[in-house]
Amino acid sequence: MVPSVRKKSNQLSGIQLMSKDNKTSNVMRQIDENLRRVYFENNEEDIPDRFKELLAKLKNQDGTSERDSDG
């Protein structure tokens, strides 16, 4: 009889582990969904005009320095 009791005990601990795994996977799924939502919300925002101006200036500087070094 003792082996059957141990077997049931092992089965219960397996169920408890599965329960913890399910909780962990649910938490991981929620984190994943929230990170994706925040990423895509931020990704849809426009670039501020100030940054566009700075990027344009940098492009012009790179173009000027490339032309200077070629000549």
PDB file of N, CA and C in Angstrom:
ATOM      1  N   MET A   1       0.804  -1.203   0.000  1.00  0.00           N
ATOM      2  CA  MET A   1       0.000   0.000   0.000  1.00  0.00           C
ATOM      3  C   MET A   1       0.846   1.265   0.000  1.00  0.00           C
ATOM      4  N   VAL A   2       1.944   1.231   0.577  1.00  0.00           N
ATOM      5  CA  VAL A   2       2.798   2.412   0.668  1.00  0.00           C
ATOM      6  C   VAL A   2       3.180   2.931  -0.712  1.00  0.00           C
ATOM      7  N   PRO A   3       3.554   2.060  -1.675  1.00  0.00           N
ATOM      8  CA  PRO A   3       3.910   2.599  -2.992  1.00  0.00           C
ATOM      9  C   PRO A   3       2.786   3.393  -3.640  1.00  0.00           C
ATOM     10  N   SER A   4       1.539   2.982  -3.466  1.00  0.00           N
ATOM     11  CA  SER A   4       0.446   3.718  -4.084  1.00  0.00           C
ATOM     12  C   SER A   4       0.291   5.103  -3.461  1.00  0.00           C
ATOM     13  N   VAL A   5       0.545   5.200  -2.167  1.00  0.00           N
ATOM     14  CA  VAL A   5       0.473   6.504  -1.501  1.00  0.00           C
ATOM     15  C   VAL A   5       1.561   7.416  -2.050  1.00  0.00           C
ATOM     16  N   ARG A   6       2.752   6.895  -2.214  1.00  0.00           N
ATOM     17  CA  ARG A   6       3.854   7.694  -2.769  1.00  0.00           C
ATOM     18  C   ARG A   6       3.528   8.121  -4.196  1.00  0.00           C
ATOM     19  N   LYS A   7       2.939   7.216  -4.957  1.00  0.00           N
ATOM     20  CA  LYS A   7       2.601   7.541  -6.327  1.00  0.00           C
ATOM     21  C   LYS A   7       1.601   8.691  -6.371  1.00  0.00           C
ATOM     22  N   LYS A   8       0.593   8.648  -5.520  1.00  0.00           N
ATOM     23  CA  LYS A   8      -0.383   9.732  -5.466  1.00  0.00           C
ATOM     24  C   LYS A   8       0.286  11.027  -5.043  1.00  0.00           C
ATOM     25  N   SER A   9       1.196  10.934  -4.105  1.00  0.00           N
ATOM     26  CA  SER A   9       1.903  12.124  -3.650  1.00  0.00           C
ATOM     27  C   SER A   9       2.700  12.731  -4.798  1.00  0.00           C
ATOM     28  N   ASN A  10       3.371  11.894  -5.576  1.00  0.00           N
ATOM     29  CA  ASN A  10       4.123  12.382  -6.721  1.00  0.00           C
ATOM     30  C   ASN A  10       3.197  13.011  -7.754  1.00  0.00           C
ATOM     31  N   GLN A  11       2.030  12.414  -7.954  1.00  0.00           N
ATOM     32  CA  GLN A  11       1.078  12.977  -8.897  1.00  0.00           C
ATOM     33  C   GLN A  11       0.602  14.347  -8.430  1.00  0.00           C
ATOM     34  N   LEU A  12       0.353  14.472  -7.146  1.00  0.00           N
ATOM     35  CA  LEU A  12      -0.086  15.761  -6.617  1.00  0.00           C
ATOM     36  C   LEU A  12       0.982  16.822  -6.787  1.00  0.00           C
ATOM     37  N   SER A  13       2.216  16.476  -6.511  1.00  0.00           N
ATOM     38  CA  SER A  13       3.279  17.474  -6.671  1.00  0.00           C
ATOM     39  C   SER A  13       3.426  17.856  -8.137  1.00  0.00           C
ATOM     40  N   GLY A  14       3.192  16.900  -9.041  1.00  0.00           N
ATOM     41  CA  GLY A  14       3.221  17.212 -10.468  1.00  0.00           C
ATOM     42  C   GLY A  14       2.116  18.182 -10.842  1.00  0.00           C
ATOM     43  N   ILE A  15       0.944  17.986 -10.268  1.00  0.00           N
ATOM     44  CA  ILE A  15      -0.179  18.895 -10.516  1.00  0.00           C
ATOM     45  C   ILE A  15       0.147  20.278  -9.978  1.00  0.00           C
ATOM     46  N   GLN A  16       0.749  20.331  -8.803  1.00  0.00           N
ATOM     47  CA  GLN A  16       1.120  21.617  -8.229  1.00  0.00           C
ATOM     48  C   GLN A  16       2.147  22.316  -9.118  1.00  0.00           C
ATOM     49  N   LEU A  17       3.094  21.554  -9.653  1.00  0.00           N
ATOM     50  CA  LEU A  17       4.085  22.147 -10.543  1.00  0.00           C
ATOM     51  C   LEU A  17       3.427  22.675 -11.810  1.00  0.00           C
ATOM     52  N   MET A  18       2.495  21.892 -12.349  1.00  0.00           N
ATOM     53  CA  MET A  18       1.800  22.347 -13.547  1.00  0.00           C
ATOM     54  C   MET A  18       1.022  23.618 -13.254  1.00  0.00           C
ATOM     55  N   SER A  19       0.427  23.689 -12.081  1.00  0.00           N
ATOM     56  CA  SER A  19      -0.322  24.872 -11.692  1.00  0.00           C
ATOM     57  C   SER A  19       0.594  26.089 -11.631  1.00  0.00           C
ATOM     58  N   LYS A  20       1.776  25.916 -11.046  1.00  0.00           N
ATOM     59  CA  LYS A  20       2.750  27.014 -10.986  1.00  0.00           C
ATOM     60  C   LYS A  20       3.202  27.394 -12.383  1.00  0.00           C
ATOM     61  N   ASP A  21       3.427  26.397 -13.247  1.00  0.00           N
ATOM     62  CA  ASP A  21       3.826  26.679 -14.627  1.00  0.00           C
ATOM     63  C   ASP A  21       2.741  27.454 -15.353  1.00  0.00           C
ATOM     64  N   ASN A  22       1.488  27.083 -15.132  1.00  0.00           N
ATOM     65  CA  ASN A  22       0.387  27.798 -15.768  1.00  0.00           C
ATOM     66  C   ASN A  22       0.312  29.234 -15.288  1.00  0.00           C
ATOM     67  N   LYS A  23       0.504  29.448 -13.989  1.00  0.00           N
ATOM     68  CA  LYS A  23       0.492  30.804 -13.451  1.00  0.00           C
ATOM     69  C   LYS A  23       1.634  31.613 -14.052  1.00  0.00           C
ATOM     70  N   THR A  24       2.804  30.992 -14.131  1.00  0.00           N
ATOM     71  CA  THR A  24       3.966  31.663 -14.695  1.00  0.00           C
ATOM     72  C   THR A  24       3.730  31.987 -16.161  1.00  0.00           C
ATOM     73  N   SER A  25       3.190  31.029 -16.899  1.00  0.00           N
ATOM     74  CA  SER A  25       2.959  31.271 -18.325  1.00  0.00           C
ATOM     75  C   SER A  25       1.889  32.341 -18.523  1.00  0.00           C
ATOM     76  N   ASN A  26       0.883  32.392 -17.648  1.00  0.00           N
ATOM     77  CA  ASN A  26      -0.123  33.450 -17.746  1.00  0.00           C
ATOM     78  C   ASN A  26       0.492  34.812 -17.484  1.00  0.00           C
ATOM     79  N   VAL A  27       1.353  34.880 -16.491  1.00  0.00           N
ATOM     80  CA  VAL A  27       2.027  36.146 -16.187  1.00  0.00           C
ATOM     81  C   VAL A  27       2.927  36.548 -17.351  1.00  0.00           C
ATOM     82  N   MET A  28       3.663  35.592 -17.885  1.00  0.00           N
ATOM     83  CA  MET A  28       4.554  35.890 -19.020  1.00  0.00           C
ATOM     84  C   MET A  28       3.745  36.351 -20.233  1.00  0.00           C
ATOM     85  N   ARG A  29       2.581  35.740 -20.454  1.00  0.00           N
ATOM     86  CA  ARG A  29       1.722  36.120 -21.574  1.00  0.00           C
ATOM     87  C   ARG A  29       1.220  37.546 -21.375  1.00  0.00           C
ATOM     88  N   GLN A  30       0.825  37.897 -20.154  1.00  0.00           N
ATOM     89  CA  GLN A  30       0.357  39.248 -19.871  1.00  0.00           C
ATOM     90  C   GLN A  30       1.466  40.275 -20.068  1.00  0.00           C
ATOM     91  N   ILE A  31       2.654  39.934 -19.602  1.00  0.00           N
ATOM     92  CA  ILE A  31       3.797  40.837 -19.782  1.00  0.00           C
ATOM     93  C   ILE A  31       4.067  41.031 -21.267  1.00  0.00           C
ATOM     94  N   ASP A  32       4.060  39.941 -22.015  1.00  0.00           N
ATOM     95  CA  ASP A  32       4.300  39.992 -23.454  1.00  0.00           C
ATOM     96  C   ASP A  32       3.264  40.875 -24.148  1.00  0.00           C
ATOM     97  N   GLU A  33       1.999  40.674 -23.819  1.00  0.00           N
ATOM     98  CA  GLU A  33       0.934  41.474 -24.426  1.00  0.00           C
ATOM     99  C   GLU A  33       1.086  42.952 -24.096  1.00  0.00           C
ATOM    100  N   ASN A  34       1.417  43.251 -22.849  1.00  0.00           N
ATOM    101  CA  ASN A  34       1.576  44.653 -22.451  1.00  0.00           C
ATOM    102  C   ASN A  34       2.775  45.301 -23.131  1.00  0.00           C
ATOM    103  N   LEU A  35       3.876  44.583 -23.222  1.00  0.00           N
ATOM    104  CA  LEU A  35       5.053  45.134 -23.896  1.00  0.00           C
ATOM    105  C   LEU A  35       4.774  45.391 -25.371  1.00  0.00           C
ATOM    106  N   ARG A  36       4.098  44.452 -26.013  1.00  0.00           N
ATOM    107  CA  ARG A  36       3.745  44.640 -27.428  1.00  0.00           C
ATOM    108  C   ARG A  36       2.823  45.846 -27.608  1.00  0.00           C
ATOM    109  N   ARG A  37       1.837  45.975 -26.727  1.00  0.00           N
ATOM    110  CA  ARG A  37       0.893  47.082 -26.825  1.00  0.00           C
ATOM    111  C   ARG A  37       1.618  48.419 -26.688  1.00  0.00           C
ATOM    112  N   VAL A  38       2.480  48.534 -25.683  1.00  0.00           N
ATOM    113  CA  VAL A  38       3.214  49.782 -25.461  1.00  0.00           C
ATOM    114  C   VAL A  38       4.148  50.061 -26.633  1.00  0.00           C
ATOM    115  N   TYR A  39       4.827  49.037 -27.132  1.00  0.00           N
ATOM    116  CA  TYR A  39       5.744  49.223 -28.260  1.00  0.00           C
ATOM    117  C   TYR A  39       4.994  49.760 -29.469  1.00  0.00           C
ATOM    118  N   PHE A  40       3.875  49.124 -29.807  1.00  0.00           N
ATOM    119  CA  PHE A  40       3.151  49.543 -31.003  1.00  0.00           C
ATOM    120  C   PHE A  40       2.487  50.907 -30.819  1.00  0.00           C
ATOM    121  N   GLU A  41       2.060  51.233 -29.611  1.00  0.00           N
ATOM    122  CA  GLU A  41       1.511  52.565 -29.364  1.00  0.00           C
ATOM    123  C   GLU A  41       2.582  53.621 -29.571  1.00  0.00           C
ATOM    124  N   ASN A  42       3.780  53.379 -29.053  1.00  0.00           N
ATOM    125  CA  ASN A  42       4.879  54.341 -29.200  1.00  0.00           C
ATOM    126  C   ASN A  42       5.402  54.373 -30.625  1.00  0.00           C
ATOM    127  N   ASN A  43       5.338  53.245 -31.286  1.00  0.00           N
ATOM    128  CA  ASN A  43       5.844  53.145 -32.650  1.00  0.00           C
ATOM    129  C   ASN A  43       4.993  53.955 -33.620  1.00  0.00           C
ATOM    130  N   GLU A  44       3.727  54.160 -33.297  1.00  0.00           N
ATOM    131  CA  GLU A  44       2.823  54.889 -34.176  1.00  0.00           C
ATOM    132  C   GLU A  44       2.924  56.400 -33.993  1.00  0.00           C
ATOM    133  N   GLU A  45       3.591  56.850 -32.945  1.00  0.00           N
ATOM    134  CA  GLU A  45       3.718  58.277 -32.706  1.00  0.00           C
ATOM    135  C   GLU A  45       4.646  58.900 -33.744  1.00  0.00           C
ATOM    136  N   ASP A  46       4.343  60.142 -34.122  1.00  0.00           N
ATOM    137  CA  ASP A  46       5.187  60.854 -35.078  1.00  0.00           C
ATOM    138  C   ASP A  46       6.479  61.306 -34.419  1.00  0.00           C
ATOM    139  N   ILE A  47       7.486  61.457 -35.232  1.00  0.00           N
ATOM    140  CA  ILE A  47       8.760  61.985 -34.756  1.00  0.00           C
ATOM    141  C   ILE A  47       8.587  63.489 -34.587  1.00  0.00           C
ATOM    142  N   PRO A  48       8.997  64.043 -33.445  1.00  0.00           N
ATOM    143  CA  PRO A  48       8.865  65.494 -33.241  1.00  0.00           C
ATOM    144  C   PRO A  48       9.644  66.265 -34.308  1.00  0.00           C
ATOM    145  N   ASP A  49       9.120  67.430 -34.679  1.00  0.00           N
ATOM    146  CA  ASP A  49       9.749  68.259 -35.712  1.00  0.00           C
ATOM    147  C   ASP A  49      11.196  68.591 -35.377  1.00  0.00           C
ATOM    148  N   ARG A  50      11.473  68.788 -34.108  1.00  0.00           N
ATOM    149  CA  ARG A  50      12.846  69.131 -33.690  1.00  0.00           C
ATOM    150  C   ARG A  50      13.823  68.017 -34.086  1.00  0.00           C
ATOM    151  N   PHE A  51      13.399  66.768 -33.881  1.00  0.00           N
ATOM    152  CA  PHE A  51      14.264  65.649 -34.255  1.00  0.00           C
ATOM    153  C   PHE A  51      14.406  65.542 -35.772  1.00  0.00           C
ATOM    154  N   LYS A  52      13.325  65.821 -36.495  1.00  0.00           N
ATOM    155  CA  LYS A  52      13.397  65.792 -37.963  1.00  0.00           C
ATOM    156  C   LYS A  52      14.397  66.834 -38.463  1.00  0.00           C
ATOM    157  N   GLU A  53      14.360  68.016 -37.838  1.00  0.00           N
ATOM    158  CA  GLU A  53      15.298  69.078 -38.220  1.00  0.00           C
ATOM    159  C   GLU A  53      16.738  68.662 -37.927  1.00  0.00           C
ATOM    160  N   LEU A  54      16.957  68.066 -36.757  1.00  0.00           N
ATOM    161  CA  LEU A  54      18.305  67.613 -36.406  1.00  0.00           C
ATOM    162  C   LEU A  54      18.792  66.533 -37.364  1.00  0.00           C
ATOM    163  N   LEU A  55      17.928  65.616 -37.717  1.00  0.00           N
ATOM    164  CA  LEU A  55      18.305  64.565 -38.675  1.00  0.00           C
ATOM    165  C   LEU A  55      18.653  65.165 -40.034  1.00  0.00           C
ATOM    166  N   ALA A  56      17.889  66.159 -40.466  1.00  0.00           N
ATOM    167  CA  ALA A  56      18.169  66.811 -41.742  1.00  0.00           C
ATOM    168  C   ALA A  56      19.533  67.508 -41.705  1.00  0.00           C
ATOM    169  N   LYS A  57      19.827  68.189 -40.594  1.00  0.00           N
ATOM    170  CA  LYS A  57      21.130  68.851 -40.448  1.00  0.00           C
ATOM    171  C   LYS A  57      22.265  67.834 -40.494  1.00  0.00           C
ATOM    172  N   LEU A  58      22.090  66.712 -39.799  1.00  0.00           N
ATOM    173  CA  LEU A  58      23.128  65.671 -39.816  1.00  0.00           C
ATOM    174  C   LEU A  58      23.323  65.098 -41.212  1.00  0.00           C
ATOM    175  N   LYS A  59      22.236  64.892 -41.936  1.00  0.00           N
ATOM    176  CA  LYS A  59      22.349  64.398 -43.311  1.00  0.00           C
ATOM    177  C   LYS A  59      23.116  65.384 -44.170  1.00  0.00           C
ATOM    178  N   ASN A  60      22.811  66.679 -44.010  1.00  0.00           N
ATOM    179  CA  ASN A  60      23.508  67.708 -44.782  1.00  0.00           C
ATOM    180  C   ASN A  60      24.987  67.736 -44.431  1.00  0.00           C
ATOM    181  N   GLN A  61      25.315  67.594 -43.156  1.00  0.00           N
ATOM    182  CA  GLN A  61      26.722  67.587 -42.742  1.00  0.00           C
ATOM    183  C   GLN A  61      27.444  66.380 -43.320  1.00  0.00           C
ATOM    184  N   ASP A  62      26.806  65.223 -43.282  1.00  0.00           N
ATOM    185  CA  ASP A  62      27.419  64.014 -43.840  1.00  0.00           C
ATOM    186  C   ASP A  62      27.619  64.165 -45.337  1.00  0.00           C
ATOM    187  N   GLY A  63      26.665  64.724 -46.020  1.00  0.00           N
ATOM    188  CA  GLY A  63      26.788  64.931 -47.463  1.00  0.00           C
ATOM    189  C   GLY A  63      27.885  65.891 -47.790  1.00  0.00           C
ATOM    190  N   THR A  64      28.026  66.968 -47.000  1.00  0.00           N
ATOM    191  CA  THR A  64      29.064  67.968 -47.206  1.00  0.00           C
ATOM    192  C   THR A  64      30.431  67.369 -46.950  1.00  0.00           C
ATOM    193  N   SER A  65      30.592  66.600 -45.861  1.00  0.00           N
ATOM    194  CA  SER A  65      31.892  66.031 -45.538  1.00  0.00           C
ATOM    195  C   SER A  65      32.288  64.963 -46.551  1.00  0.00           C
ATOM    196  N   GLU A  66      31.318  64.240 -47.111  1.00  0.00           N
ATOM    197  CA  GLU A  66      31.628  63.232 -48.123  1.00  0.00           C
ATOM    198  C   GLU A  66      32.091  63.909 -49.404  1.00  0.00           C
ATOM    199  N   ARG A  67      31.439  65.024 -49.776  1.00  0.00           N
ATOM    200  CA  ARG A  67      31.842  65.744 -50.982  1.00  0.00           C
ATOM    201  C   ARG A  67      33.214  66.375 -50.804  1.00  0.00           C
ATOM    202  N   ASP A  68      33.496  66.875 -49.588  1.00  0.00           N
ATOM    203  CA  ASP A  68      34.795  67.483 -49.330  1.00  0.00           C
ATOM    204  C   ASP A  68      35.902  66.446 -49.414  1.00  0.00           C
ATOM    205  N   SER A  69      35.675  65.251 -48.903  1.00  0.00           N
ATOM    206  CA  SER A  69      36.725  64.233 -48.905  1.00  0.00           C
ATOM    207  C   SER A  69      36.910  63.627 -50.289  1.00  0.00           C
ATOM    208  N   ASP A  70      35.882  63.659 -51.147  1.00  0.00           N
ATOM    209  CA  ASP A  70      36.003  63.117 -52.503  1.00  0.00           C
ATOM    210  C   ASP A  70      36.815  64.042 -53.408  1.00  0.00           C
ATOM    211  N   GLY A  71      36.792  65.326 -53.138  1.00  0.00           N
ATOM    212  CA  GLY A  71      37.382  66.304 -54.037  1.00  0.00           C
ATOM    213  C   GLY A  71      38.755  66.638 -53.713  1.00  0.00           C
TER     214      GLY A  71
END
